[in-house]
Amino acid sequence: MSETLFERIIAREIPADIVHETDTTLAFRDINPQAKVHVLVVPKKRFRNVAELAEEPQLLADVLSTARKVAELEGIADSGYRVVFNTGDDAGQTVFHVHAHVLGGEQLGLFGRPTGN
């Protein structure tokens, strides 16, 4: 597999606004935020998508624990937040290194097709 953008961020070759880090995960702000709070949580070990990550349940749990910690650090744990994994082209996955989007800080819209489609 060729090196992804996220692997370069993990290696500190590309700067990122890091929110939280553990031994197994890195959380940083999305450069194109879709909500007031939009943080990406990536495992330091590369998997293409969440289906592959599910083969390592402890690492999947680490990603979700980091998402919870991000929500606490960002002050959105009590008001509510969304954790999203996009898997594949139709879901909008653009970087094929699994990552969870932590979104919140405001009332979020619904899922699915944009209004009118």
PDB file of N, CA and C in Angstrom:
ATOM      1  N   MET A   1       0.840  -1.189   0.000  1.00  0.00           N
ATOM      2  CA  MET A   1       0.000   0.000   0.000  1.00  0.00           C
ATOM      3  C   MET A   1       0.882   1.249   0.000  1.00  0.00           C
ATOM      4  N   SER A   2       0.491   2.218  -0.774  1.00  0.00           N
ATOM      5  CA  SER A   2       1.248   3.459  -0.785  1.00  0.00           C
ATOM      6  C   SER A   2       0.887   4.286   0.445  1.00  0.00           C
ATOM      7  N   GLU A   3       1.754   5.181   0.791  1.00  0.00           N
ATOM      8  CA  GLU A   3       1.564   6.016   1.972  1.00  0.00           C
ATOM      9  C   GLU A   3       0.389   6.969   1.760  1.00  0.00           C
ATOM     10  N   THR A   4      -0.455   7.102   2.787  1.00  0.00           N
ATOM     11  CA  THR A   4      -1.603   8.005   2.700  1.00  0.00           C
ATOM     12  C   THR A   4      -1.285   9.345   3.367  1.00  0.00           C
ATOM     13  N   LEU A   5      -2.136  10.303   3.119  1.00  0.00           N
ATOM     14  CA  LEU A   5      -2.050  11.606   3.775  1.00  0.00           C
ATOM     15  C   LEU A   5      -2.017  11.435   5.289  1.00  0.00           C
ATOM     16  N   PHE A   6      -2.870  10.564   5.810  1.00  0.00           N
ATOM     17  CA  PHE A   6      -2.933  10.387   7.265  1.00  0.00           C
ATOM     18  C   PHE A   6      -1.652   9.765   7.811  1.00  0.00           C
ATOM     19  N   GLU A   7      -1.044   8.851   7.071  1.00  0.00           N
ATOM     20  CA  GLU A   7       0.228   8.283   7.521  1.00  0.00           C
ATOM     21  C   GLU A   7       1.300   9.367   7.591  1.00  0.00           C
ATOM     22  N   ARG A   8       1.250  10.303   6.671  1.00  0.00           N
ATOM     23  CA  ARG A   8       2.215  11.406   6.680  1.00  0.00           C
ATOM     24  C   ARG A   8       1.940  12.357   7.849  1.00  0.00           C
ATOM     25  N   ILE A   9       0.670  12.539   8.208  1.00  0.00           N
ATOM     26  CA  ILE A   9       0.338  13.351   9.393  1.00  0.00           C
ATOM     27  C   ILE A   9       0.804  12.637  10.652  1.00  0.00           C
ATOM     28  N   ILE A  10       0.544  11.341  10.757  1.00  0.00           N
ATOM     29  CA  ILE A  10       0.983  10.557  11.918  1.00  0.00           C
ATOM     30  C   ILE A  10       2.499  10.646  12.072  1.00  0.00           C
ATOM     31  N   ALA A  11       3.226  10.604  10.955  1.00  0.00           N
ATOM     32  CA  ALA A  11       4.693  10.682  10.971  1.00  0.00           C
ATOM     33  C   ALA A  11       5.203  12.109  11.176  1.00  0.00           C
ATOM     34  N   ARG A  12       4.277  13.070  11.256  1.00  0.00           N
ATOM     35  CA  ARG A  12       4.587  14.498  11.438  1.00  0.00           C
ATOM     36  C   ARG A  12       5.308  15.095  10.232  1.00  0.00           C
ATOM     37  N   GLU A  13       5.110  14.492   9.060  1.00  0.00           N
ATOM     38  CA  GLU A  13       5.657  15.045   7.821  1.00  0.00           C
ATOM     39  C   GLU A  13       4.781  16.178   7.301  1.00  0.00           C
ATOM     40  N   ILE A  14       3.499  16.142   7.650  1.00  0.00           N
ATOM     41  CA  ILE A  14       2.538  17.179   7.281  1.00  0.00           C
ATOM     42  C   ILE A  14       1.955  17.724   8.573  1.00  0.00           C
ATOM     43  N   PRO A  15       1.918  19.043   8.743  1.00  0.00           N
ATOM     44  CA  PRO A  15       1.383  19.593   9.991  1.00  0.00           C
ATOM     45  C   PRO A  15      -0.129  19.390  10.102  1.00  0.00           C
ATOM     46  N   ALA A  16      -0.592  19.254  11.331  1.00  0.00           N
ATOM     47  CA  ALA A  16      -2.015  19.133  11.622  1.00  0.00           C
ATOM     48  C   ALA A  16      -2.267  19.736  12.993  1.00  0.00           C
ATOM     49  N   ASP A  17      -3.495  20.178  13.205  1.00  0.00           N
ATOM     50  CA  ASP A  17      -3.916  20.710  14.505  1.00  0.00           C
ATOM     51  C   ASP A  17      -4.365  19.525  15.352  1.00  0.00           C
ATOM     52  N   ILE A  18      -3.435  18.969  16.108  1.00  0.00           N
ATOM     53  CA  ILE A  18      -3.682  17.754  16.891  1.00  0.00           C
ATOM     54  C   ILE A  18      -4.461  18.103  18.149  1.00  0.00           C
ATOM     55  N   VAL A  19      -5.530  17.335  18.366  1.00  0.00           N
ATOM     56  CA  VAL A  19      -6.409  17.536  19.512  1.00  0.00           C
ATOM     57  C   VAL A  19      -6.059  16.565  20.633  1.00  0.00           C
ATOM     58  N   HIS A  20      -5.730  15.328  20.266  1.00  0.00           N
ATOM     59  CA  HIS A  20      -5.447  14.295  21.272  1.00  0.00           C
ATOM     60  C   HIS A  20      -4.655  13.171  20.607  1.00  0.00           C
ATOM     61  N   GLU A  21      -3.810  12.522  21.388  1.00  0.00           N
ATOM     62  CA  GLU A  21      -3.026  11.398  20.879  1.00  0.00           C
ATOM     63  C   GLU A  21      -2.899  10.338  21.950  1.00  0.00           C
ATOM     64  N   THR A  22      -2.977   9.074  21.520  1.00  0.00           N
ATOM     65  CA  THR A  22      -2.709   7.943  22.401  1.00  0.00           C
ATOM     66  C   THR A  22      -1.620   7.101  21.738  1.00  0.00           C
ATOM     67  N   ASP A  23      -1.289   5.988  22.357  1.00  0.00           N
ATOM     68  CA  ASP A  23      -0.300   5.092  21.749  1.00  0.00           C
ATOM     69  C   ASP A  23      -0.773   4.533  20.411  1.00  0.00           C
ATOM     70  N   THR A  24      -2.103   4.410  20.246  1.00  0.00           N
ATOM     71  CA  THR A  24      -2.636   3.745  19.053  1.00  0.00           C
ATOM     72  C   THR A  24      -3.435   4.647  18.123  1.00  0.00           C
ATOM     73  N   THR A  25      -3.758   5.877  18.561  1.00  0.00           N
ATOM     74  CA  THR A  25      -4.608   6.762  17.756  1.00  0.00           C
ATOM     75  C   THR A  25      -4.081   8.195  17.731  1.00  0.00           C
ATOM     76  N   LEU A  26      -4.551   8.927  16.717  1.00  0.00           N
ATOM     77  CA  LEU A  26      -4.253  10.352  16.609  1.00  0.00           C
ATOM     78  C   LEU A  26      -5.544  11.062  16.207  1.00  0.00           C
ATOM     79  N   ALA A  27      -5.850  12.157  16.887  1.00  0.00           N
ATOM     80  CA  ALA A  27      -7.042  12.953  16.578  1.00  0.00           C
ATOM     81  C   ALA A  27      -6.604  14.357  16.202  1.00  0.00           C
ATOM     82  N   PHE A  28      -7.120  14.847  15.062  1.00  0.00           N
ATOM     83  CA  PHE A  28      -6.743  16.178  14.590  1.00  0.00           C
ATOM     84  C   PHE A  28      -7.923  16.816  13.870  1.00  0.00           C
ATOM     85  N   ARG A  29      -7.913  18.145  13.806  1.00  0.00           N
ATOM     86  CA  ARG A  29      -9.009  18.883  13.181  1.00  0.00           C
ATOM     87  C   ARG A  29      -9.043  18.662  11.676  1.00  0.00           C
ATOM     88  N   ASP A  30     -10.257  18.512  11.151  1.00  0.00           N
ATOM     89  CA  ASP A  30     -10.457  18.374   9.713  1.00  0.00           C
ATOM     90  C   ASP A  30     -10.174  19.722   9.058  1.00  0.00           C
ATOM     91  N   ILE A  31      -9.485  19.728   7.927  1.00  0.00           N
ATOM     92  CA  ILE A  31      -9.152  20.990   7.251  1.00  0.00           C
ATOM     93  C   ILE A  31     -10.345  21.571   6.494  1.00  0.00           C
ATOM     94  N   ASN A  32     -11.401  20.784   6.338  1.00  0.00           N
ATOM     95  CA  ASN A  32     -12.624  21.245   5.677  1.00  0.00           C
ATOM     96  C   ASN A  32     -13.812  20.904   6.578  1.00  0.00           C
ATOM     97  N   PRO A  33     -13.941  21.605   7.718  1.00  0.00           N
ATOM     98  CA  PRO A  33     -14.938  21.203   8.721  1.00  0.00           C
ATOM     99  C   PRO A  33     -16.370  21.287   8.214  1.00  0.00           C
ATOM    100  N   GLN A  34     -17.154  20.286   8.606  1.00  0.00           N
ATOM    101  CA  GLN A  34     -18.565  20.196   8.250  1.00  0.00           C
ATOM    102  C   GLN A  34     -19.465  20.538   9.440  1.00  0.00           C
ATOM    103  N   ALA A  35     -18.865  20.939  10.559  1.00  0.00           N
ATOM    104  CA  ALA A  35     -19.584  21.358  11.763  1.00  0.00           C
ATOM    105  C   ALA A  35     -18.631  22.231  12.566  1.00  0.00           C
ATOM    106  N   LYS A  36     -19.156  22.901  13.597  1.00  0.00           N
ATOM    107  CA  LYS A  36     -18.287  23.742  14.428  1.00  0.00           C
ATOM    108  C   LYS A  36     -17.127  22.933  14.989  1.00  0.00           C
ATOM    109  N   VAL A  37     -17.420  21.722  15.413  1.00  0.00           N
ATOM    110  CA  VAL A  37     -16.366  20.792  15.827  1.00  0.00           C
ATOM    111  C   VAL A  37     -16.336  19.675  14.802  1.00  0.00           C
ATOM    112  N   HIS A  38     -15.180  19.474  14.193  1.00  0.00           N
ATOM    113  CA  HIS A  38     -15.003  18.381  13.233  1.00  0.00           C
ATOM    114  C   HIS A  38     -13.567  17.886  13.374  1.00  0.00           C
ATOM    115  N   VAL A  39     -13.432  16.778  14.075  1.00  0.00           N
ATOM    116  CA  VAL A  39     -12.126  16.197  14.372  1.00  0.00           C
ATOM    117  C   VAL A  39     -12.089  14.794  13.791  1.00  0.00           C
ATOM    118  N   LEU A  40     -10.975  14.439  13.178  1.00  0.00           N
ATOM    119  CA  LEU A  40     -10.771  13.094  12.647  1.00  0.00           C
ATOM    120  C   LEU A  40      -9.968  12.278  13.642  1.00  0.00           C
ATOM    121  N   VAL A  41     -10.377  11.047  13.846  1.00  0.00           N
ATOM    122  CA  VAL A  41      -9.651  10.111  14.707  1.00  0.00           C
ATOM    123  C   VAL A  41      -9.177   8.970  13.825  1.00  0.00           C
ATOM    124  N   VAL A  42      -7.868   8.769  13.784  1.00  0.00           N
ATOM    125  CA  VAL A  42      -7.293   7.703  12.951  1.00  0.00           C
ATOM    126  C   VAL A  42      -6.477   6.751  13.817  1.00  0.00           C
ATOM    127  N   PRO A  43      -6.549   5.464  13.510  1.00  0.00           N
ATOM    128  CA  PRO A  43      -5.609   4.545  14.156  1.00  0.00           C
ATOM    129  C   PRO A  43      -4.240   4.760  13.522  1.00  0.00           C
ATOM    130  N   LYS A  44      -3.210   4.606  14.294  1.00  0.00           N
ATOM    131  CA  LYS A  44      -1.859   4.781  13.746  1.00  0.00           C
ATOM    132  C   LYS A  44      -1.479   3.648  12.802  1.00  0.00           C
ATOM    133  N   LYS A  45      -2.121   2.507  12.958  1.00  0.00           N
ATOM    134  CA  LYS A  45      -1.932   1.388  12.041  1.00  0.00           C
ATOM    135  C   LYS A  45      -2.977   1.523  10.938  1.00  0.00           C
ATOM    136  N   ARG A  46      -2.562   1.368   9.702  1.00  0.00           N
ATOM    137  CA  ARG A  46      -3.463   1.614   8.571  1.00  0.00           C
ATOM    138  C   ARG A  46      -4.375   0.428   8.266  1.00  0.00           C
ATOM    139  N   PHE A  47      -5.643   0.752   8.133  1.00  0.00           N
ATOM    140  CA  PHE A  47      -6.668  -0.130   7.589  1.00  0.00           C
ATOM    141  C   PHE A  47      -7.407   0.697   6.546  1.00  0.00           C
ATOM    142  N   ARG A  48      -7.845   0.098   5.461  1.00  0.00           N
ATOM    143  CA  ARG A  48      -8.521   0.852   4.396  1.00  0.00           C
ATOM    144  C   ARG A  48      -9.865   1.415   4.847  1.00  0.00           C
ATOM    145  N   ASN A  49     -10.609   0.677   5.660  1.00  0.00           N
ATOM    146  CA  ASN A  49     -11.952   1.126   6.043  1.00  0.00           C
ATOM    147  C   ASN A  49     -12.357   0.480   7.368  1.00  0.00           C
ATOM    148  N   VAL A  50     -13.536   0.839   7.855  1.00  0.00           N
ATOM    149  CA  VAL A  50     -13.980   0.355   9.157  1.00  0.00           C
ATOM    150  C   VAL A  50     -14.251  -1.152   9.135  1.00  0.00           C
ATOM    151  N   ALA A  51     -14.626  -1.695   7.991  1.00  0.00           N
ATOM    152  CA  ALA A  51     -14.833  -3.143   7.898  1.00  0.00           C
ATOM    153  C   ALA A  51     -13.525  -3.882   8.178  1.00  0.00           C
ATOM    154  N   GLU A  52     -12.424  -3.387   7.641  1.00  0.00           N
ATOM    155  CA  GLU A  52     -11.119  -3.997   7.926  1.00  0.00           C
ATOM    156  C   GLU A  52     -10.724  -3.782   9.383  1.00  0.00           C
ATOM    157  N   LEU A  53     -10.988  -2.593   9.902  1.00  0.00           N
ATOM    158  CA  LEU A  53     -10.641  -2.290  11.293  1.00  0.00           C
ATOM    159  C   LEU A  53     -11.401  -3.195  12.265  1.00  0.00           C
ATOM    160  N   ALA A  54     -12.603  -3.608  11.913  1.00  0.00           N
ATOM    161  CA  ALA A  54     -13.410  -4.475  12.774  1.00  0.00           C
ATOM    162  C   ALA A  54     -12.719  -5.800  13.061  1.00  0.00           C
ATOM    163  N   GLU A  55     -11.740  -6.172  12.228  1.00  0.00           N
ATOM    164  CA  GLU A  55     -10.983  -7.402  12.465  1.00  0.00           C
ATOM    165  C   GLU A  55     -10.061  -7.276  13.682  1.00  0.00           C
ATOM    166  N   GLU A  56      -9.844  -6.052  14.152  1.00  0.00           N
ATOM    167  CA  GLU A  56      -9.044  -5.807  15.360  1.00  0.00           C
ATOM    168  C   GLU A  56      -9.904  -5.043  16.359  1.00  0.00           C
ATOM    169  N   PRO A  57     -10.779  -5.751  17.084  1.00  0.00           N
ATOM    170  CA  PRO A  57     -11.755  -5.081  17.945  1.00  0.00           C
ATOM    171  C   PRO A  57     -11.144  -4.166  19.005  1.00  0.00           C
ATOM    172  N   GLN A  58      -9.960  -4.496  19.520  1.00  0.00           N
ATOM    173  CA  GLN A  58      -9.369  -3.615  20.527  1.00  0.00           C
ATOM    174  C   GLN A  58      -8.977  -2.280  19.921  1.00  0.00           C
ATOM    175  N   LEU A  59      -8.449  -2.291  18.717  1.00  0.00           N
ATOM    176  CA  LEU A  59      -8.077  -1.041  18.060  1.00  0.00           C
ATOM    177  C   LEU A  59      -9.324  -0.236  17.693  1.00  0.00           C
ATOM    178  N   LEU A  60     -10.382  -0.899  17.249  1.00  0.00           N
ATOM    179  CA  LEU A  60     -11.649  -0.207  16.991  1.00  0.00           C
ATOM    180  C   LEU A  60     -12.152   0.442  18.274  1.00  0.00           C
ATOM    181  N   ALA A  61     -12.062  -0.264  19.388  1.00  0.00           N
ATOM    182  CA  ALA A  61     -12.458   0.303  20.682  1.00  0.00           C
ATOM    183  C   ALA A  61     -11.581   1.510  21.042  1.00  0.00           C
ATOM    184  N   ASP A  62     -10.296   1.436  20.728  1.00  0.00           N
ATOM    185  CA  ASP A  62      -9.397   2.572  20.987  1.00  0.00           C
ATOM    186  C   ASP A  62      -9.832   3.803  20.184  1.00  0.00           C
ATOM    187  N   VAL A  63     -10.196   3.598  18.920  1.00  0.00           N
ATOM    188  CA  VAL A  63     -10.654   4.716  18.081  1.00  0.00           C
ATOM    189  C   VAL A  63     -11.907   5.343  18.688  1.00  0.00           C
ATOM    190  N   LEU A  64     -12.846   4.511  19.117  1.00  0.00           N
ATOM    191  CA  LEU A  64     -14.086   5.038  19.700  1.00  0.00           C
ATOM    192  C   LEU A  64     -13.837   5.693  21.061  1.00  0.00           C
ATOM    193  N   SER A  65     -12.928   5.159  21.839  1.00  0.00           N
ATOM    194  CA  SER A  65     -12.566   5.804  23.112  1.00  0.00           C
ATOM    195  C   SER A  65     -11.924   7.162  22.875  1.00  0.00           C
ATOM    196  N   THR A  66     -11.092   7.244  21.850  1.00  0.00           N
ATOM    197  CA  THR A  66     -10.480   8.525  21.505  1.00  0.00           C
ATOM    198  C   THR A  66     -11.550   9.506  21.034  1.00  0.00           C
ATOM    199  N   ALA A  67     -12.532   9.036  20.278  1.00  0.00           N
ATOM    200  CA  ALA A  67     -13.634   9.903  19.843  1.00  0.00           C
ATOM    201  C   ALA A  67     -14.366  10.471  21.058  1.00  0.00           C
ATOM    202  N   ARG A  68     -14.622   9.630  22.044  1.00  0.00           N
ATOM    203  CA  ARG A  68     -15.272  10.100  23.283  1.00  0.00           C
ATOM    204  C   ARG A  68     -14.405  11.144  23.986  1.00  0.00           C
ATOM    205  N   LYS A  69     -13.110  10.907  24.070  1.00  0.00           N
ATOM    206  CA  LYS A  69     -12.200  11.845  24.711  1.00  0.00           C
ATOM    207  C   LYS A  69     -12.182  13.177  23.969  1.00  0.00           C
ATOM    208  N   VAL A  70     -12.190  13.132  22.644  1.00  0.00           N
ATOM    209  CA  VAL A  70     -12.245  14.353  21.839  1.00  0.00           C
ATOM    210  C   VAL A  70     -13.511  15.139  22.178  1.00  0.00           C
ATOM    211  N   ALA A  71     -14.645  14.449  22.254  1.00  0.00           N
ATOM    212  CA  ALA A  71     -15.906  15.118  22.586  1.00  0.00           C
ATOM    213  C   ALA A  71     -15.807  15.801  23.955  1.00  0.00           C
ATOM    214  N   GLU A  72     -15.179  15.137  24.905  1.00  0.00           N
ATOM    215  CA  GLU A  72     -14.986  15.747  26.229  1.00  0.00           C
ATOM    216  C   GLU A  72     -14.086  16.974  26.135  1.00  0.00           C
ATOM    217  N   LEU A  73     -12.960  16.839  25.456  1.00  0.00           N
ATOM    218  CA  LEU A  73     -12.007  17.949  25.336  1.00  0.00           C
ATOM    219  C   LEU A  73     -12.603  19.146  24.598  1.00  0.00           C
ATOM    220  N   GLU A  74     -13.478  18.878  23.628  1.00  0.00           N
ATOM    221  CA  GLU A  74     -14.092  19.939  22.827  1.00  0.00           C
ATOM    222  C   GLU A  74     -15.359  20.505  23.474  1.00  0.00           C
ATOM    223  N   GLY A  75     -15.760  19.937  24.609  1.00  0.00           N
ATOM    224  CA  GLY A  75     -16.924  20.448  25.333  1.00  0.00           C
ATOM    225  C   GLY A  75     -18.260  20.083  24.705  1.00  0.00           C
ATOM    226  N   ILE A  76     -18.314  18.982  23.957  1.00  0.00           N
ATOM    227  CA  ILE A  76     -19.565  18.591  23.309  1.00  0.00           C
ATOM    228  C   ILE A  76     -20.097  17.248  23.798  1.00  0.00           C
ATOM    229  N   ALA A  77     -19.455  16.674  24.795  1.00  0.00           N
ATOM    230  CA  ALA A  77     -19.879  15.352  25.267  1.00  0.00           C
ATOM    231  C   ALA A  77     -21.297  15.377  25.824  1.00  0.00           C
ATOM    232  N   ASP A  78     -21.668  16.427  26.515  1.00  0.00           N
ATOM    233  CA  ASP A  78     -23.000  16.497  27.115  1.00  0.00           C
ATOM    234  C   ASP A  78     -24.070  16.957  26.139  1.00  0.00           C
ATOM    235  N   SER A  79     -23.744  17.869  25.231  1.00  0.00           N
ATOM    236  CA  SER A  79     -24.740  18.392  24.291  1.00  0.00           C
ATOM    237  C   SER A  79     -25.011  17.423  23.148  1.00  0.00           C
ATOM    238  N   GLY A  80     -24.069  16.539  22.870  1.00  0.00           N
ATOM    239  CA  GLY A  80     -24.242  15.540  21.830  1.00  0.00           C
ATOM    240  C   GLY A  80     -23.256  15.705  20.694  1.00  0.00           C
ATOM    241  N   TYR A  81     -22.895  14.580  20.119  1.00  0.00           N
ATOM    242  CA  TYR A  81     -21.949  14.572  19.007  1.00  0.00           C
ATOM    243  C   TYR A  81     -22.216  13.344  18.156  1.00  0.00           C
ATOM    244  N   ARG A  82     -21.698  13.372  16.952  1.00  0.00           N
ATOM    245  CA  ARG A  82     -21.867  12.282  16.002  1.00  0.00           C
ATOM    246  C   ARG A  82     -20.493  11.709  15.670  1.00  0.00           C
ATOM    247  N   VAL A  83     -20.432  10.384  15.565  1.00  0.00           N
ATOM    248  CA  VAL A  83     -19.221   9.694  15.117  1.00  0.00           C
ATOM    249  C   VAL A  83     -19.583   8.960  13.832  1.00  0.00           C
ATOM    250  N   VAL A  84     -18.862   9.271  12.748  1.00  0.00           N
ATOM    251  CA  VAL A  84     -19.185   8.722  11.429  1.00  0.00           C
ATOM    252  C   VAL A  84     -17.945   8.090  10.813  1.00  0.00           C
ATOM    253  N   PHE A  85     -18.129   6.900  10.237  1.00  0.00           N
ATOM    254  CA  PHE A  85     -17.113   6.258   9.407  1.00  0.00           C
ATOM    255  C   PHE A  85     -17.678   6.185   7.992  1.00  0.00           C
ATOM    256  N   ASN A  86     -16.990   6.748   7.020  1.00  0.00           N
ATOM    257  CA  ASN A  86     -17.373   6.603   5.620  1.00  0.00           C
ATOM    258  C   ASN A  86     -16.570   5.432   5.047  1.00  0.00           C
ATOM    259  N   THR A  87     -17.265   4.511   4.391  1.00  0.00           N
ATOM    260  CA  THR A  87     -16.604   3.340   3.826  1.00  0.00           C
ATOM    261  C   THR A  87     -16.934   3.231   2.354  1.00  0.00           C
ATOM    262  N   GLY A  88     -15.949   3.486   1.498  1.00  0.00           N
ATOM    263  CA  GLY A  88     -16.119   3.358   0.058  1.00  0.00           C
ATOM    264  C   GLY A  88     -16.520   4.656  -0.626  1.00  0.00           C
ATOM    265  N   ASP A  89     -16.423   4.616  -1.943  1.00  0.00           N
ATOM    266  CA  ASP A  89     -16.687   5.796  -2.769  1.00  0.00           C
ATOM    267  C   ASP A  89     -18.097   6.351  -2.594  1.00  0.00           C
ATOM    268  N   ASP A  90     -19.113   5.491  -2.609  1.00  0.00           N
ATOM    269  CA  ASP A  90     -20.490   5.973  -2.508  1.00  0.00           C
ATOM    270  C   ASP A  90     -20.773   6.653  -1.171  1.00  0.00           C
ATOM    271  N   ALA A  91     -20.015   6.316  -0.149  1.00  0.00           N
ATOM    272  CA  ALA A  91     -20.191   6.941   1.164  1.00  0.00           C
ATOM    273  C   ALA A  91     -19.383   8.228   1.295  1.00  0.00           C
ATOM    274  N   GLY A  92     -18.544   8.517   0.299  1.00  0.00           N
ATOM    275  CA  GLY A  92     -17.748   9.737   0.337  1.00  0.00           C
ATOM    276  C   GLY A  92     -16.365   9.570   0.930  1.00  0.00           C
ATOM    277  N   GLN A  93     -15.901   8.337   1.092  1.00  0.00           N
ATOM    278  CA  GLN A  93     -14.547   8.141   1.608  1.00  0.00           C
ATOM    279  C   GLN A  93     -13.547   8.607   0.563  1.00  0.00           C
ATOM    280  N   THR A  94     -12.655   9.511   0.962  1.00  0.00           N
ATOM    281  CA  THR A  94     -11.661  10.037   0.023  1.00  0.00           C
ATOM    282  C   THR A  94     -10.232   9.663   0.405  1.00  0.00           C
ATOM    283  N   VAL A  95     -10.003   9.370   1.673  1.00  0.00           N
ATOM    284  CA  VAL A  95      -8.689   8.895   2.124  1.00  0.00           C
ATOM    285  C   VAL A  95      -8.897   7.467   2.600  1.00  0.00           C
ATOM    286  N   PHE A  96      -8.173   6.545   1.997  1.00  0.00           N
ATOM    287  CA  PHE A  96      -8.387   5.141   2.301  1.00  0.00           C
ATOM    288  C   PHE A  96      -7.448   4.657   3.412  1.00  0.00           C
ATOM    289  N   HIS A  97      -7.566   5.359   4.521  1.00  0.00           N
ATOM    290  CA  HIS A  97      -6.992   5.015   5.822  1.00  0.00           C
ATOM    291  C   HIS A  97      -8.148   5.303   6.766  1.00  0.00           C
ATOM    292  N   VAL A  98      -8.705   4.253   7.354  1.00  0.00           N
ATOM    293  CA  VAL A  98      -9.932   4.410   8.141  1.00  0.00           C
ATOM    294  C   VAL A  98      -9.823   5.584   9.111  1.00  0.00           C
ATOM    295  N   HIS A  99     -10.914   6.326   9.233  1.00  0.00           N
ATOM    296  CA  HIS A  99     -10.949   7.456  10.161  1.00  0.00           C
ATOM    297  C   HIS A  99     -12.388   7.713  10.595  1.00  0.00           C
ATOM    298  N   ALA A 100     -12.515   8.078  11.844  1.00  0.00           N
ATOM    299  CA  ALA A 100     -13.815   8.455  12.396  1.00  0.00           C
ATOM    300  C   ALA A 100     -13.901   9.968  12.402  1.00  0.00           C
ATOM    301  N   HIS A 101     -15.045  10.486  11.963  1.00  0.00           N
ATOM    302  CA  HIS A 101     -15.325  11.912  12.047  1.00  0.00           C
ATOM    303  C   HIS A 101     -16.088  12.147  13.337  1.00  0.00           C
ATOM    304  N   VAL A 102     -15.601  13.046  14.178  1.00  0.00           N
ATOM    305  CA  VAL A 102     -16.324  13.466  15.379  1.00  0.00           C
ATOM    306  C   VAL A 102     -16.877  14.847  15.075  1.00  0.00           C
ATOM    307  N   LEU A 103     -18.206  14.942  15.045  1.00  0.00           N
ATOM    308  CA  LEU A 103     -18.884  16.174  14.643  1.00  0.00           C
ATOM    309  C   LEU A 103     -19.800  16.654  15.757  1.00  0.00           C
ATOM    310  N   GLY A 104     -19.852  17.959  15.962  1.00  0.00           N
ATOM    311  CA  GLY A 104     -20.757  18.502  16.972  1.00  0.00           C
ATOM    312  C   GLY A 104     -20.556  19.985  17.158  1.00  0.00           C
ATOM    313  N   GLY A 105     -21.006  20.467  18.303  1.00  0.00           N
ATOM    314  CA  GLY A 105     -20.881  21.880  18.615  1.00  0.00           C
ATOM    315  C   GLY A 105     -22.035  22.712  18.097  1.00  0.00           C
ATOM    316  N   GLU A 106     -22.999  22.051  17.461  1.00  0.00           N
ATOM    317  CA  GLU A 106     -24.182  22.710  16.915  1.00  0.00           C
ATOM    318  C   GLU A 106     -25.205  21.635  16.582  1.00  0.00           C
ATOM    319  N   GLN A 107     -26.425  22.045  16.290  1.00  0.00           N
ATOM    320  CA  GLN A 107     -27.460  21.098  15.861  1.00  0.00           C
ATOM    321  C   GLN A 107     -27.068  20.561  14.493  1.00  0.00           C
ATOM    322  N   LEU A 108     -26.972  19.239  14.371  1.00  0.00           N
ATOM    323  CA  LEU A 108     -26.562  18.612  13.121  1.00  0.00           C
ATOM    324  C   LEU A 108     -27.779  18.206  12.300  1.00  0.00           C
ATOM    325  N   GLY A 109     -27.617  18.216  10.985  1.00  0.00           N
ATOM    326  CA  GLY A 109     -28.690  17.804  10.086  1.00  0.00           C
ATOM    327  C   GLY A 109     -28.852  16.301  10.034  1.00  0.00           C
ATOM    328  N   LEU A 110     -29.762  15.875   9.177  1.00  0.00           N
ATOM    329  CA  LEU A 110     -30.039  14.456   9.011  1.00  0.00           C
ATOM    330  C   LEU A 110     -29.036  13.805   8.072  1.00  0.00           C
ATOM    331  N   PHE A 111     -29.038  12.500   8.046  1.00  0.00           N
ATOM    332  CA  PHE A 111     -28.175  11.731   7.136  1.00  0.00           C
ATOM    333  C   PHE A 111     -28.849  11.512   5.803  1.00  0.00           C
ATOM    334  N   GLY A 112     -28.087  10.950   4.887  1.00  0.00           N
ATOM    335  CA  GLY A 112     -28.657  10.536   3.621  1.00  0.00           C
ATOM    336  C   GLY A 112     -28.552  11.561   2.538  1.00  0.00           C
ATOM    337  N   ARG A 113     -29.473  11.488   1.609  1.00  0.00           N
ATOM    338  CA  ARG A 113     -29.458  12.364   0.449  1.00  0.00           C
ATOM    339  C   ARG A 113     -29.718  13.819   0.847  1.00  0.00           C
ATOM    340  N   PRO A 114     -29.079  14.742   0.141  1.00  0.00           N
ATOM    341  CA  PRO A 114     -29.379  16.153   0.374  1.00  0.00           C
ATOM    342  C   PRO A 114     -30.857  16.434   0.076  1.00  0.00           C
ATOM    343  N   THR A 115     -31.405  17.430   0.710  1.00  0.00           N
ATOM    344  CA  THR A 115     -32.799  17.798   0.516  1.00  0.00           C
ATOM    345  C   THR A 115     -33.110  17.991  -0.966  1.00  0.00           C
ATOM    346  N   GLY A 116     -34.235  17.433  -1.406  1.00  0.00           N
ATOM    347  CA  GLY A 116     -34.669  17.616  -2.786  1.00  0.00           C
ATOM    348  C   GLY A 116     -34.207  16.550  -3.744  1.00  0.00           C
ATOM    349  N   ASN A 117     -33.429  15.596  -3.309  1.00  0.00           N
ATOM    350  CA  ASN A 117     -32.949  14.537  -4.206  1.00  0.00           C
ATOM    351  C   ASN A 117     -33.687  13.247  -3.957  1.00  0.00           C
TER     352      ASN A 117
END
